[in-house]
């Protein structure tokens, strides 16, 4: 099992929901606190304004689910599937993902600060206007992913694969280009300066003057 940042343990749960089929249900406005979901089918569920506080999800299907303005606070997801899932304006602060599947995941807006995604296969996922500040993306596979206007300040990106990722508009101020793979990644001009300076180069706005 992947470890949380700084060795923080997952919170205990007080109740359990197992082997349930909730596919296509509307969970809008519902609140769950310290509930353990095990082998639950949440395929195509929808939820607006729901809250999951310190819950755990093991072997749960979130395939094609759609969450809007929903909070998953300090939750733990293990061996769960998010194929085609969409999170819009959601808050997942402090949540941890371990051995999950993310094919075609789309995240639009919201706060995913301090989230743990070490080693996650996030290839070709879509992230727009998302806060991933201080997230653990160590060894994450983000090749071909779209990360536009994403706050990656303080994120752990060592050994991450960003090859062919579209990073335009994202905060790369704490990225060490020597510890990640970035071949053919797409960046904007401002990010070019940030990466050059991270490599120890001095970027001058003035052209060299030719000798007369």
Protein backbone atom coordinates (compact mmCIF):
# COMPACT_ATOMS: atom_id res chain seq x y z
CA UNK A 1 0.00 0.00 0.00
CA UNK A 2 1.26 3.49 -0.83
CA UNK A 3 2.07 5.65 2.17
CA UNK A 4 0.56 9.04 2.87
CA UNK A 5 2.84 12.05 2.91
CA UNK A 6 4.82 12.42 6.12
CA UNK A 7 3.63 8.97 7.29
CA UNK A 8 0.18 10.18 8.31
CA UNK A 9 -2.17 7.27 8.95
CA UNK A 10 -5.60 6.91 7.35
CA UNK A 11 -8.39 7.80 9.80
CA UNK A 12 -10.43 4.93 11.29
CA UNK A 13 -13.98 4.26 10.12
CA UNK A 14 -17.09 3.80 12.26
CA UNK A 15 -19.49 2.02 9.88
CA UNK A 16 -19.36 -0.08 6.73
CA UNK A 17 -21.29 -0.45 3.47
CA UNK A 18 -20.43 -3.60 1.54
CA UNK A 19 -21.51 -5.32 -1.70
CA UNK A 20 -24.09 -2.64 -2.53
CA UNK A 21 -25.22 -1.62 -6.02
CA UNK A 22 -25.90 2.13 -6.18
CA UNK A 23 -25.35 2.60 -9.89
CA UNK A 24 -27.04 5.69 -11.42
CA UNK A 25 -28.26 6.92 -8.01
CA UNK A 26 -28.33 10.62 -7.18
CA UNK A 27 -26.36 11.23 -3.98
CA UNK A 28 -26.77 15.01 -4.04
CA UNK A 29 -26.67 16.66 -0.64
CA UNK A 30 -25.94 13.45 1.25
CA UNK A 31 -23.23 13.32 3.93
CA UNK A 32 -21.10 10.34 4.96
CA UNK A 33 -18.58 10.45 7.82
CA UNK A 34 -15.99 7.74 8.49
CA UNK A 35 -17.84 5.16 6.40
CA UNK A 36 -15.98 2.24 4.82
CA UNK A 37 -17.29 1.44 1.33
CA UNK A 38 -16.22 -2.03 0.20
CA UNK A 39 -17.04 -3.60 -3.17
CA UNK A 40 -19.72 -0.99 -3.88
CA UNK A 41 -20.93 -0.19 -7.42
CA UNK A 42 -21.17 3.58 -7.87
CA UNK A 43 -21.15 3.43 -11.67
CA UNK A 44 -22.78 6.49 -13.24
CA UNK A 45 -23.84 7.96 -9.90
CA UNK A 46 -24.32 11.73 -9.76
CA UNK A 47 -23.85 14.02 -6.80
CA UNK A 48 -23.97 17.76 -6.25
CA UNK A 49 -23.02 19.16 -2.87
CA UNK A 50 -22.41 15.76 -1.25
CA UNK A 51 -19.80 15.25 1.50
CA UNK A 52 -17.62 12.24 2.23
CA UNK A 53 -15.53 12.94 5.33
CA UNK A 54 -12.68 10.57 6.26
CA UNK A 55 -14.29 7.69 4.34
CA UNK A 56 -12.51 4.73 2.78
CA UNK A 57 -13.31 3.16 -0.59
CA UNK A 58 -11.95 -0.29 -1.41
CA UNK A 59 -12.74 -2.03 -4.71
CA UNK A 60 -15.36 0.61 -5.53
CA UNK A 61 -16.45 1.40 -9.11
CA UNK A 62 -16.76 5.13 -9.84
CA UNK A 63 -16.84 4.53 -13.59
CA UNK A 64 -18.66 7.32 -15.49
CA UNK A 65 -19.68 8.93 -12.19
CA UNK A 66 -20.21 12.70 -12.12
CA UNK A 67 -19.50 14.75 -8.99
CA UNK A 68 -20.11 18.51 -8.76
CA UNK A 69 -19.17 20.72 -5.79
CA UNK A 70 -18.72 17.55 -3.76
CA UNK A 71 -16.14 17.06 -0.99
CA UNK A 72 -14.04 13.95 -0.36
CA UNK A 73 -12.08 15.12 2.68
CA UNK A 74 -9.11 13.06 3.86
CA UNK A 75 -10.57 9.95 2.19
CA UNK A 76 -8.70 6.80 1.13
CA UNK A 77 -9.30 5.07 -2.21
CA UNK A 78 -7.83 1.59 -2.74
CA UNK A 79 -8.07 -0.53 -5.90
CA UNK A 80 -10.98 1.59 -7.13
CA UNK A 81 -11.86 2.48 -10.73
CA UNK A 82 -12.52 5.98 -12.10
CA UNK A 83 -12.83 5.28 -15.83
CA UNK A 84 -14.69 8.16 -17.44
CA UNK A 85 -15.42 9.80 -14.07
CA UNK A 86 -15.79 13.57 -13.88
CA UNK A 87 -15.12 15.87 -10.92
CA UNK A 88 -16.27 19.49 -11.28
CA UNK A 89 -15.46 22.03 -8.58
CA UNK A 90 -14.81 19.26 -6.04
CA UNK A 91 -12.62 19.31 -2.95
CA UNK A 92 -10.44 16.26 -2.26
CA UNK A 93 -8.00 17.80 0.19
CA UNK A 94 -5.77 15.25 1.88
CA UNK A 95 -7.25 12.21 0.14
CA UNK A 96 -5.08 9.22 -0.83
CA UNK A 97 -5.26 6.97 -3.91
CA UNK A 98 -3.61 3.56 -3.92
CA UNK A 99 -3.59 1.18 -6.92
CA UNK A 100 -6.57 2.89 -8.54
CA UNK A 101 -7.45 3.08 -12.26
CA UNK A 102 -8.06 6.48 -13.83
CA UNK A 103 -8.71 6.01 -17.56
CA UNK A 104 -10.36 9.06 -19.18
CA UNK A 105 -10.70 10.87 -15.85
CA UNK A 106 -11.65 14.57 -16.15
CA UNK A 107 -11.14 17.09 -13.35
CA UNK A 108 -12.44 20.65 -13.86
CA UNK A 109 -11.72 23.16 -11.11
CA UNK A 110 -11.69 22.36 -7.43
CA UNK A 111 -9.07 21.82 -4.75
CA UNK A 112 -6.96 18.64 -4.69
CA UNK A 113 -4.24 20.03 -2.42
CA UNK A 114 -2.20 17.51 -0.40
CA UNK A 115 -3.71 14.62 -2.37
CA UNK A 116 -1.63 11.43 -2.57
CA UNK A 117 -1.28 9.96 -6.08
CA UNK A 118 2.17 8.33 -5.93
CA UNK A 119 2.83 6.05 -8.89
CA UNK A 120 -0.67 6.64 -10.27
CA UNK A 121 -1.32 5.93 -13.94
CA UNK A 122 -2.81 9.25 -15.04
CA UNK A 123 -1.95 9.00 -18.71
CA UNK A 124 -4.24 11.09 -20.93
CA UNK A 125 -6.32 12.33 -18.02
CA UNK A 126 -7.62 15.93 -18.13
CA UNK A 127 -7.02 18.54 -15.41
CA UNK A 128 -8.12 22.16 -15.85
CA UNK A 129 -7.95 25.00 -13.29
CA UNK A 130 -7.28 22.53 -10.46
CA UNK A 131 -5.38 23.14 -7.22
CA UNK A 132 -2.85 20.33 -6.77
CA UNK A 133 -0.69 22.27 -4.36
CA UNK A 134 1.71 20.01 -2.41
CA UNK A 135 0.14 16.90 -3.92
CA UNK A 136 2.23 13.72 -3.93
CA UNK A 137 2.76 12.84 -7.60
CA UNK A 138 6.00 10.95 -7.04
CA UNK A 139 6.50 8.53 -9.92
CA UNK A 140 3.09 9.36 -11.38
CA UNK A 141 2.60 8.59 -15.08
CA UNK A 142 1.19 11.74 -16.67
CA UNK A 143 2.40 11.24 -20.21
CA UNK A 144 -0.06 12.70 -22.68
CA UNK A 145 -2.13 14.23 -19.89
CA UNK A 146 -3.62 17.71 -20.14
CA UNK A 147 -2.80 19.92 -17.15
CA UNK A 148 -3.83 23.47 -18.02
CA UNK A 149 -3.74 26.21 -15.36
CA UNK A 150 -3.06 23.67 -12.61
CA UNK A 151 -1.44 24.83 -9.37
CA UNK A 152 1.46 22.42 -8.87
CA UNK A 153 3.24 24.63 -6.36
CA UNK A 154 5.11 22.48 -3.85
CA UNK A 155 3.91 19.25 -5.49
CA UNK A 156 6.16 16.20 -5.20
CA UNK A 157 7.03 15.34 -8.80
CA UNK A 158 10.21 13.32 -8.48
CA UNK A 159 10.44 10.61 -11.15
CA UNK A 160 7.09 11.66 -12.63
CA UNK A 161 6.59 11.10 -16.37
CA UNK A 162 5.35 14.30 -18.03
CA UNK A 163 6.36 13.33 -21.57
CA UNK A 164 4.01 14.86 -24.18
CA UNK A 165 1.85 16.37 -21.41
CA UNK A 166 0.23 19.76 -22.07
CA UNK A 167 1.34 21.87 -19.11
CA UNK A 168 0.45 25.32 -20.39
CA UNK A 169 -0.60 27.82 -17.76
CA UNK A 170 0.35 25.55 -14.84
CA UNK A 171 2.56 26.56 -11.90
CA UNK A 172 5.91 24.82 -12.44
CA UNK A 173 7.83 27.00 -10.01
CA UNK A 174 8.92 24.10 -7.79
CA UNK A 175 9.43 21.53 -10.56
CA UNK A 176 12.98 20.17 -10.85
CA UNK A 177 13.40 19.34 -14.56
CA UNK A 178 16.33 17.05 -13.73
CA UNK A 179 14.11 14.66 -11.76
CA UNK A 180 11.22 14.24 -14.23
CA UNK A 181 10.74 13.08 -17.81
CA UNK A 182 9.49 15.94 -19.98
CA UNK A 183 10.24 14.95 -23.57
CA UNK A 184 7.92 16.72 -26.03
CA UNK A 185 5.86 18.27 -23.23
CA UNK A 186 3.99 21.43 -24.28
CA UNK A 187 4.77 24.57 -22.25
CA UNK A 188 4.23 28.30 -22.73
CA UNK A 189 6.87 31.04 -22.92
CA UNK A 190 6.65 32.01 -19.26
CA UNK A 191 7.19 28.38 -18.25
CA UNK A 192 10.23 28.23 -20.52
CA UNK A 193 11.89 30.90 -18.39
CA UNK A 194 10.93 29.09 -15.15
CA UNK A 195 12.44 25.80 -16.35
CA UNK A 196 15.57 27.47 -17.71
CA UNK A 197 16.16 29.16 -14.35
CA UNK A 198 15.56 25.86 -12.55
CA UNK A 199 18.41 24.46 -14.66
CA UNK A 200 20.67 27.22 -13.42
CA UNK A 201 20.56 29.30 -16.58
CA UNK A 202 20.40 33.09 -16.56
CA UNK A 203 17.64 34.33 -18.85
CA UNK A 204 18.30 37.76 -20.33
CA UNK A 205 15.61 39.87 -22.03
CA UNK A 206 18.26 41.57 -24.09
CA UNK A 207 19.99 40.20 -27.20
CA UNK A 208 23.77 40.01 -27.30
CA UNK A 209 25.43 43.10 -28.80
CA UNK A 210 27.62 42.42 -31.80
CA UNK A 211 31.02 44.03 -31.89
CA UNK A 212 31.29 46.82 -34.41
